[in-house]
Amino acid sequence: MRKIIREYSSKLFFTASIAAAVGILPNATLAQSQSPAKSSAPVMEADPSAKVLESGYRHLYELNFDAGRKDFQAYQKMRPDDPLGKASEAASYLFEQFNQKGVLTSEFFLNDEKFLGGVEGSAAANKNSAFLEANNAAREQAKARIKANPKDLHGLLVLTITDGMESDYDAIIIKKQLEGLTMMRHAEAEANAVLAIDPNEQDANVALGMSNYVIGSLPSYKRVFVWFGGLHGDRTRGMEQMQSAAEHGHYLQPFAKVMLALAYEREHKPERAKELLAELATEYPNNPVFARELALVNNPSCCKN
């Protein structure tokens, strides 16, 4: 369930085409050419806030959570109108907790008791107030945008991320599976709305892929139960959606890759997992988890304690 953090952060949950912001195009500023030999016509310069957001996600995938949060908080000051800033901050708190609990590892993901039952510890002990506060703030900001315009693509994308993250938090961290599945249903509906407006917003497929894969992995009697609640899982379809996000996603692309790699391991396809983990280990050499997971795929006994 390395799922959370996908309008947040996939690719854990917390970045290949990081030239534009999720769901929005970065603002641009006008500047005059400094060279007297060139035309005096104004040229477009990239909004510096986009680079700050990109930097935050890179720090996130390098497990440098404090640095990532500083970037996300700086982005919020630069772009107070954008709920993605607060959603990204929320992702940093949740991804940090995932890292502490070993959620984004094969040790967790390949163990059905952990994968379907959640992390160790009580709900009270695992409560993440910082995540909840930031996530709720981002959700309310996104809802305000959608209230003004029901087809606001960016608002819907942020809502998909916040509800997807809370679904993970409920099911994995505080182990309230029913609440997690309910929130998952919201994220699924929002992700479908995003993709109906713009199929290129592939970060939305993280929520859909995780929803399909997790529900499809439940024991048959539990799948029947959630089916009556309107949730239908399909492991194969879920992996296809995560593959699409891993190939074409933006801020959640790395999270989609690691989740897909772990899903391939669950499906006994280590060679496919190895390809993704090798990409992640190369792109984020400061993240020891990616290197360790790649070593484990190559030699399952190499890193056992």
Protein backbone atom coordinates (compact mmCIF):
# COMPACT_ATOMS: atom_id res chain seq x y z
CA MET A 1 0.00 0.00 0.00
CA ARG A 2 2.81 2.26 -0.78
CA LYS A 3 0.15 4.25 -2.11
CA ILE A 4 -0.42 7.56 -0.79
CA ILE A 5 1.01 10.42 -0.58
CA ARG A 6 0.25 9.62 -5.84
CA GLU A 7 -1.74 14.92 -6.67
CA TYR A 8 0.97 14.47 -3.71
CA SER A 9 3.71 12.37 -3.85
CA SER A 10 4.29 7.85 -5.56
CA LYS A 11 6.22 8.13 -6.98
CA LEU A 12 5.87 7.55 -2.05
CA PHE A 13 3.36 7.69 -0.55
CA PHE A 14 5.72 9.82 -1.80
CA THR A 15 9.95 12.65 -11.22
CA ALA A 16 10.33 12.35 -14.70
CA SER A 17 8.61 15.24 -16.48
CA ILE A 18 8.89 17.82 -13.70
CA ALA A 19 8.81 20.82 -16.04
CA ALA A 20 5.15 21.64 -15.27
CA ALA A 21 3.09 21.52 -12.10
CA VAL A 22 0.42 18.86 -11.58
CA GLY A 23 -2.85 19.96 -13.07
CA ILE A 24 -1.69 23.53 -13.64
CA LEU A 25 0.83 25.25 -15.81
CA PRO A 26 3.40 27.25 -13.86
CA ASN A 27 2.87 30.97 -14.01
CA ALA A 28 5.38 32.91 -16.05
CA THR A 29 7.00 36.25 -15.50
CA LEU A 30 8.02 38.76 -18.10
CA ALA A 31 11.62 39.90 -18.36
CA GLN A 32 13.43 42.10 -20.81
CA SER A 33 16.40 40.67 -22.65
CA GLN A 34 19.67 41.85 -21.11
CA SER A 35 21.68 41.65 -24.32
CA PRO A 36 21.63 44.80 -26.45
CA ALA A 37 22.18 42.66 -29.53
CA LYS A 38 18.86 40.87 -28.99
CA SER A 39 15.34 42.07 -29.51
CA SER A 40 13.84 44.13 -26.68
CA ALA A 41 10.63 42.08 -26.87
CA PRO A 42 9.70 40.47 -23.53
CA VAL A 43 10.48 36.79 -23.05
CA MET A 44 8.81 34.27 -20.77
CA GLU A 45 10.67 32.96 -17.74
CA ALA A 46 9.55 29.95 -15.73
CA ASP A 47 7.74 30.70 -12.50
CA PRO A 48 10.31 30.11 -9.72
CA SER A 49 7.61 28.56 -7.54
CA ALA A 50 7.50 25.53 -9.86
CA LYS A 51 11.17 24.81 -9.15
CA VAL A 52 10.53 25.03 -5.42
CA LEU A 53 7.76 22.44 -5.67
CA GLU A 54 9.94 20.18 -7.81
CA SER A 55 12.75 20.47 -5.29
CA GLY A 56 10.40 19.51 -2.48
CA TYR A 57 9.36 16.30 -4.18
CA ARG A 58 12.93 15.39 -4.98
CA HIS A 59 13.80 15.79 -1.30
CA LEU A 60 10.79 13.66 -0.45
CA TYR A 61 11.95 10.77 -2.60
CA GLU A 62 15.44 11.12 -1.16
CA LEU A 63 13.90 10.71 2.34
CA ASN A 64 14.99 14.23 3.32
CA PHE A 65 11.62 15.12 4.79
CA ASP A 66 12.61 18.29 6.62
CA ALA A 67 14.11 19.82 3.47
CA GLY A 68 11.06 18.77 1.47
CA ARG A 69 8.70 20.40 3.96
CA LYS A 70 10.69 23.65 3.86
CA ASP A 71 10.26 23.73 0.10
CA PHE A 72 6.54 22.95 0.31
CA GLN A 73 6.01 25.65 2.93
CA ALA A 74 7.96 28.13 0.81
CA TYR A 75 5.76 27.20 -2.15
CA GLN A 76 2.65 27.88 -0.10
CA LYS A 77 3.89 31.42 0.58
CA MET A 78 4.62 31.93 -3.11
CA ARG A 79 1.35 30.32 -4.28
CA PRO A 80 -1.20 30.60 -1.44
CA ASP A 81 -3.97 29.98 -3.98
CA ASP A 82 -2.73 26.48 -4.84
CA PRO A 83 -3.94 23.62 -2.59
CA LEU A 84 -1.18 21.38 -3.95
CA GLY A 85 1.28 23.13 -1.65
CA LYS A 86 -0.52 22.07 1.50
CA ALA A 87 -1.29 18.62 0.04
CA SER A 88 2.42 18.16 -0.65
CA GLU A 89 3.24 19.13 2.93
CA ALA A 90 0.71 16.52 4.09
CA ALA A 91 2.40 13.96 1.86
CA SER A 92 5.74 14.69 3.53
CA TYR A 93 4.33 13.82 6.96
CA LEU A 94 2.65 10.64 5.76
CA PHE A 95 5.59 9.46 3.67
CA GLU A 96 7.91 10.04 6.60
CA GLN A 97 5.67 7.85 8.74
CA PHE A 98 5.58 5.21 6.01
CA ASN A 99 9.37 5.24 5.97
CA GLN A 100 9.56 4.89 9.76
CA LYS A 101 7.13 1.95 9.67
CA GLY A 102 8.76 0.26 6.68
CA VAL A 103 5.58 0.43 4.60
CA LEU A 104 7.32 0.98 1.28
CA THR A 105 9.37 -2.21 1.50
CA SER A 106 8.93 -5.77 0.33
CA GLU A 107 9.03 -6.91 3.95
CA PHE A 108 5.73 -5.09 4.47
CA PHE A 109 4.20 -5.38 1.02
CA LEU A 110 4.75 -9.11 0.57
CA ASN A 111 3.38 -9.99 4.00
CA ASP A 112 -0.42 -10.34 3.68
CA GLU A 113 -0.94 -9.82 7.38
CA LYS A 114 0.82 -6.44 7.19
CA PHE A 115 -0.27 -5.51 3.67
CA LEU A 116 -3.95 -6.06 4.40
CA GLY A 117 -3.85 -5.47 8.15
CA GLY A 118 -1.69 -2.39 8.62
CA VAL A 119 1.38 -1.43 10.63
CA GLU A 120 2.21 -2.39 14.19
CA GLY A 121 0.97 -0.19 17.02
CA SER A 122 -2.39 1.15 18.16
CA ALA A 123 -4.38 3.83 16.37
CA ALA A 124 -3.73 6.25 19.23
CA ALA A 125 0.02 5.62 19.14
CA ASN A 126 0.16 5.94 15.35
CA LYS A 127 -2.00 9.05 15.03
CA ASN A 128 -0.35 11.61 12.75
CA SER A 129 -1.85 14.97 13.69
CA ALA A 130 0.46 16.98 11.42
CA PHE A 131 -0.63 14.93 8.42
CA LEU A 132 -4.32 15.21 9.24
CA GLU A 133 -4.15 18.97 9.77
CA ALA A 134 -2.30 19.64 6.52
CA ASN A 135 -4.38 17.17 4.53
CA ASN A 136 -7.68 18.59 5.77
CA ALA A 137 -6.52 22.13 4.95
CA ALA A 138 -5.59 21.08 1.41
CA ARG A 139 -8.92 19.30 0.99
CA GLU A 140 -10.92 22.35 2.06
CA GLN A 141 -8.91 24.58 -0.25
CA ALA A 142 -9.53 22.19 -3.15
CA LYS A 143 -13.25 21.99 -2.36
CA ALA A 144 -13.48 25.78 -2.48
CA ARG A 145 -12.07 25.72 -6.00
CA ILE A 146 -14.49 23.00 -7.04
CA LYS A 147 -17.42 24.87 -5.51
CA ALA A 148 -16.57 27.84 -7.71
CA ASN A 149 -16.08 25.56 -10.73
CA PRO A 150 -17.21 21.89 -10.52
CA LYS A 151 -14.83 21.03 -13.37
CA ASP A 152 -11.78 22.69 -11.86
CA LEU A 153 -9.16 20.16 -12.91
CA HIS A 154 -6.53 21.15 -10.40
CA GLY A 155 -8.98 21.16 -7.51
CA LEU A 156 -10.21 17.70 -8.45
CA LEU A 157 -6.65 16.42 -8.73
CA VAL A 158 -5.71 17.73 -5.28
CA LEU A 159 -8.90 16.21 -3.88
CA THR A 160 -7.92 12.87 -5.43
CA ILE A 161 -4.53 13.09 -3.74
CA THR A 162 -5.83 14.13 -0.31
CA ASP A 163 -8.54 11.46 -0.24
CA GLY A 164 -6.12 8.85 -1.57
CA MET A 165 -3.61 9.68 1.15
CA GLU A 166 -6.23 9.59 3.87
CA SER A 167 -7.41 6.23 2.57
CA ASP A 168 -3.86 4.90 3.05
CA TYR A 169 -3.59 6.54 6.45
CA ASP A 170 -6.87 5.01 7.62
CA ALA A 171 -6.15 1.51 6.35
CA ILE A 172 -2.40 1.23 6.98
CA ILE A 173 -1.52 3.56 9.85
CA ILE A 174 -4.54 3.59 12.16
CA LYS A 175 -5.90 0.29 10.79
CA LYS A 176 -9.48 1.37 10.19
CA GLN A 177 -10.03 -0.57 6.99
CA LEU A 178 -13.69 0.33 6.54
CA GLU A 179 -12.97 4.04 6.77
CA GLY A 180 -10.01 3.54 4.45
CA LEU A 181 -12.17 1.79 1.86
CA THR A 182 -14.80 4.52 2.09
CA MET A 183 -12.19 7.21 1.47
CA MET A 184 -10.75 5.06 -1.32
CA ARG A 185 -14.15 5.16 -3.02
CA HIS A 186 -14.11 8.97 -2.90
CA ALA A 187 -10.59 9.09 -4.35
CA GLU A 188 -11.58 6.66 -7.09
CA ALA A 189 -14.56 8.80 -8.15
CA GLU A 190 -12.44 11.95 -8.12
CA ALA A 191 -9.66 10.29 -10.12
CA ASN A 192 -12.17 9.19 -12.76
CA ALA A 193 -13.47 12.77 -12.94
CA VAL A 194 -9.93 14.09 -13.43
CA LEU A 195 -9.12 11.63 -16.21
CA ALA A 196 -12.46 12.29 -17.93
CA ILE A 197 -11.49 15.97 -18.19
CA ASP A 198 -7.83 15.38 -19.07
CA PRO A 199 -6.47 11.85 -19.68
CA ASN A 200 -2.94 13.26 -19.46
CA GLU A 201 -3.24 13.86 -15.70
CA GLN A 202 -1.72 10.46 -14.99
CA ASP A 203 -1.00 11.13 -11.32
CA ALA A 204 -4.72 10.44 -10.83
CA ASN A 205 -4.11 6.84 -11.89
CA VAL A 206 -2.14 6.23 -8.68
CA ALA A 207 -5.35 6.35 -6.64
CA LEU A 208 -7.22 4.22 -9.16
CA GLY A 209 -4.41 1.68 -9.45
CA MET A 210 -4.01 1.29 -5.71
CA SER A 211 -7.77 1.01 -5.23
CA ASN A 212 -8.08 -1.74 -7.81
CA TYR A 213 -4.98 -3.60 -6.66
CA VAL A 214 -5.65 -3.52 -2.92
CA ILE A 215 -9.32 -4.47 -3.21
CA GLY A 216 -8.46 -7.14 -5.77
CA SER A 217 -5.95 -8.59 -3.30
CA LEU A 218 -8.51 -9.02 -0.51
CA PRO A 219 -9.73 -12.52 0.38
CA SER A 220 -12.85 -13.44 -1.58
CA TYR A 221 -15.22 -13.06 1.37
CA LYS A 222 -13.97 -9.52 1.99
CA ARG A 223 -14.25 -8.65 -1.69
CA VAL A 224 -17.91 -9.64 -1.59
CA PHE A 225 -18.41 -7.38 1.43
CA VAL A 226 -16.85 -4.33 -0.20
CA TRP A 227 -18.61 -5.12 -3.48
CA PHE A 228 -21.92 -4.44 -1.75
CA GLY A 229 -20.43 -1.13 -0.65
CA GLY A 230 -19.83 -0.18 -4.29
CA LEU A 231 -16.11 -1.01 -4.49
CA HIS A 232 -14.83 -3.38 -7.14
CA GLY A 233 -11.23 -4.47 -7.29
CA ASP A 234 -9.22 -5.85 -10.19
CA ARG A 235 -5.53 -6.56 -9.53
CA THR A 236 -4.60 -6.71 -13.20
CA ARG A 237 -6.40 -3.47 -14.00
CA GLY A 238 -4.81 -1.85 -10.95
CA MET A 239 -1.32 -2.75 -12.15
CA GLU A 240 -2.11 -1.36 -15.60
CA GLN A 241 -3.19 1.94 -14.05
CA MET A 242 -0.08 2.11 -11.89
CA GLN A 243 2.01 1.32 -14.97
CA SER A 244 0.41 4.25 -16.77
CA ALA A 245 1.21 6.55 -13.83
CA ALA A 246 4.75 5.15 -13.63
CA GLU A 247 5.31 5.97 -17.30
CA HIS A 248 3.47 9.28 -17.62
CA GLY A 249 2.88 10.63 -14.12
CA HIS A 250 4.47 13.73 -12.69
CA TYR A 251 4.99 14.32 -8.97
CA LEU A 252 3.67 10.86 -8.09
CA GLN A 253 5.61 9.04 -10.80
CA PRO A 254 8.34 7.70 -8.45
CA PHE A 255 5.67 6.62 -5.96
CA ALA A 256 3.83 4.79 -8.73
CA LYS A 257 7.07 3.05 -9.71
CA VAL A 258 7.85 1.76 -6.24
CA MET A 259 4.27 0.60 -5.69
CA LEU A 260 4.26 -1.14 -9.05
CA ALA A 261 7.63 -2.78 -8.34
CA LEU A 262 6.31 -4.18 -5.07
CA ALA A 263 3.14 -5.35 -6.80
CA TYR A 264 5.27 -7.19 -9.37
CA GLU A 265 7.06 -8.90 -6.50
CA ARG A 266 3.72 -9.98 -5.05
CA GLU A 267 2.79 -11.33 -8.48
CA HIS A 268 6.08 -13.27 -8.69
CA LYS A 269 7.49 -11.17 -11.52
CA PRO A 270 10.87 -10.14 -10.07
CA GLU A 271 12.40 -9.14 -13.42
CA ARG A 272 9.74 -6.46 -13.93
CA ALA A 273 10.26 -5.25 -10.36
CA LYS A 274 14.02 -5.13 -10.91
CA GLU A 275 13.68 -2.76 -13.88
CA LEU A 276 11.67 -0.23 -11.87
CA LEU A 277 13.83 -0.44 -8.77
CA ALA A 278 16.97 0.01 -10.85
CA GLU A 279 15.49 3.21 -12.32
CA LEU A 280 14.61 4.51 -8.86
CA ALA A 281 17.98 3.61 -7.35
CA THR A 282 19.75 5.41 -10.20
CA GLU A 283 17.55 8.51 -10.07
CA TYR A 284 17.61 8.76 -6.26
CA PRO A 285 20.99 7.42 -5.13
CA ASN A 286 20.56 9.04 -1.70
CA ASN A 287 17.55 6.85 -0.94
CA PRO A 288 18.87 3.65 0.69
CA VAL A 289 15.48 1.94 0.53
CA PHE A 290 15.50 1.77 -3.27
CA ALA A 291 19.04 0.35 -3.30
CA ARG A 292 18.18 -2.20 -0.64
CA GLU A 293 15.01 -3.34 -2.41
CA LEU A 294 16.93 -3.73 -5.66
CA ALA A 295 19.56 -5.82 -3.87
CA LEU A 296 16.81 -7.99 -2.36
CA VAL A 297 15.25 -8.65 -5.76
CA ASN A 298 18.64 -9.66 -7.13
CA ASN A 299 19.45 -11.80 -4.11
CA PRO A 300 16.60 -12.35 -1.60
CA SER A 301 18.97 -13.51 1.15
CA CYS A 302 21.46 -10.67 0.80
CA CYS A 303 19.97 -8.15 3.22
CA LYS A 304 18.22 -10.32 5.76
CA ASN A 305 18.98 -9.50 9.36
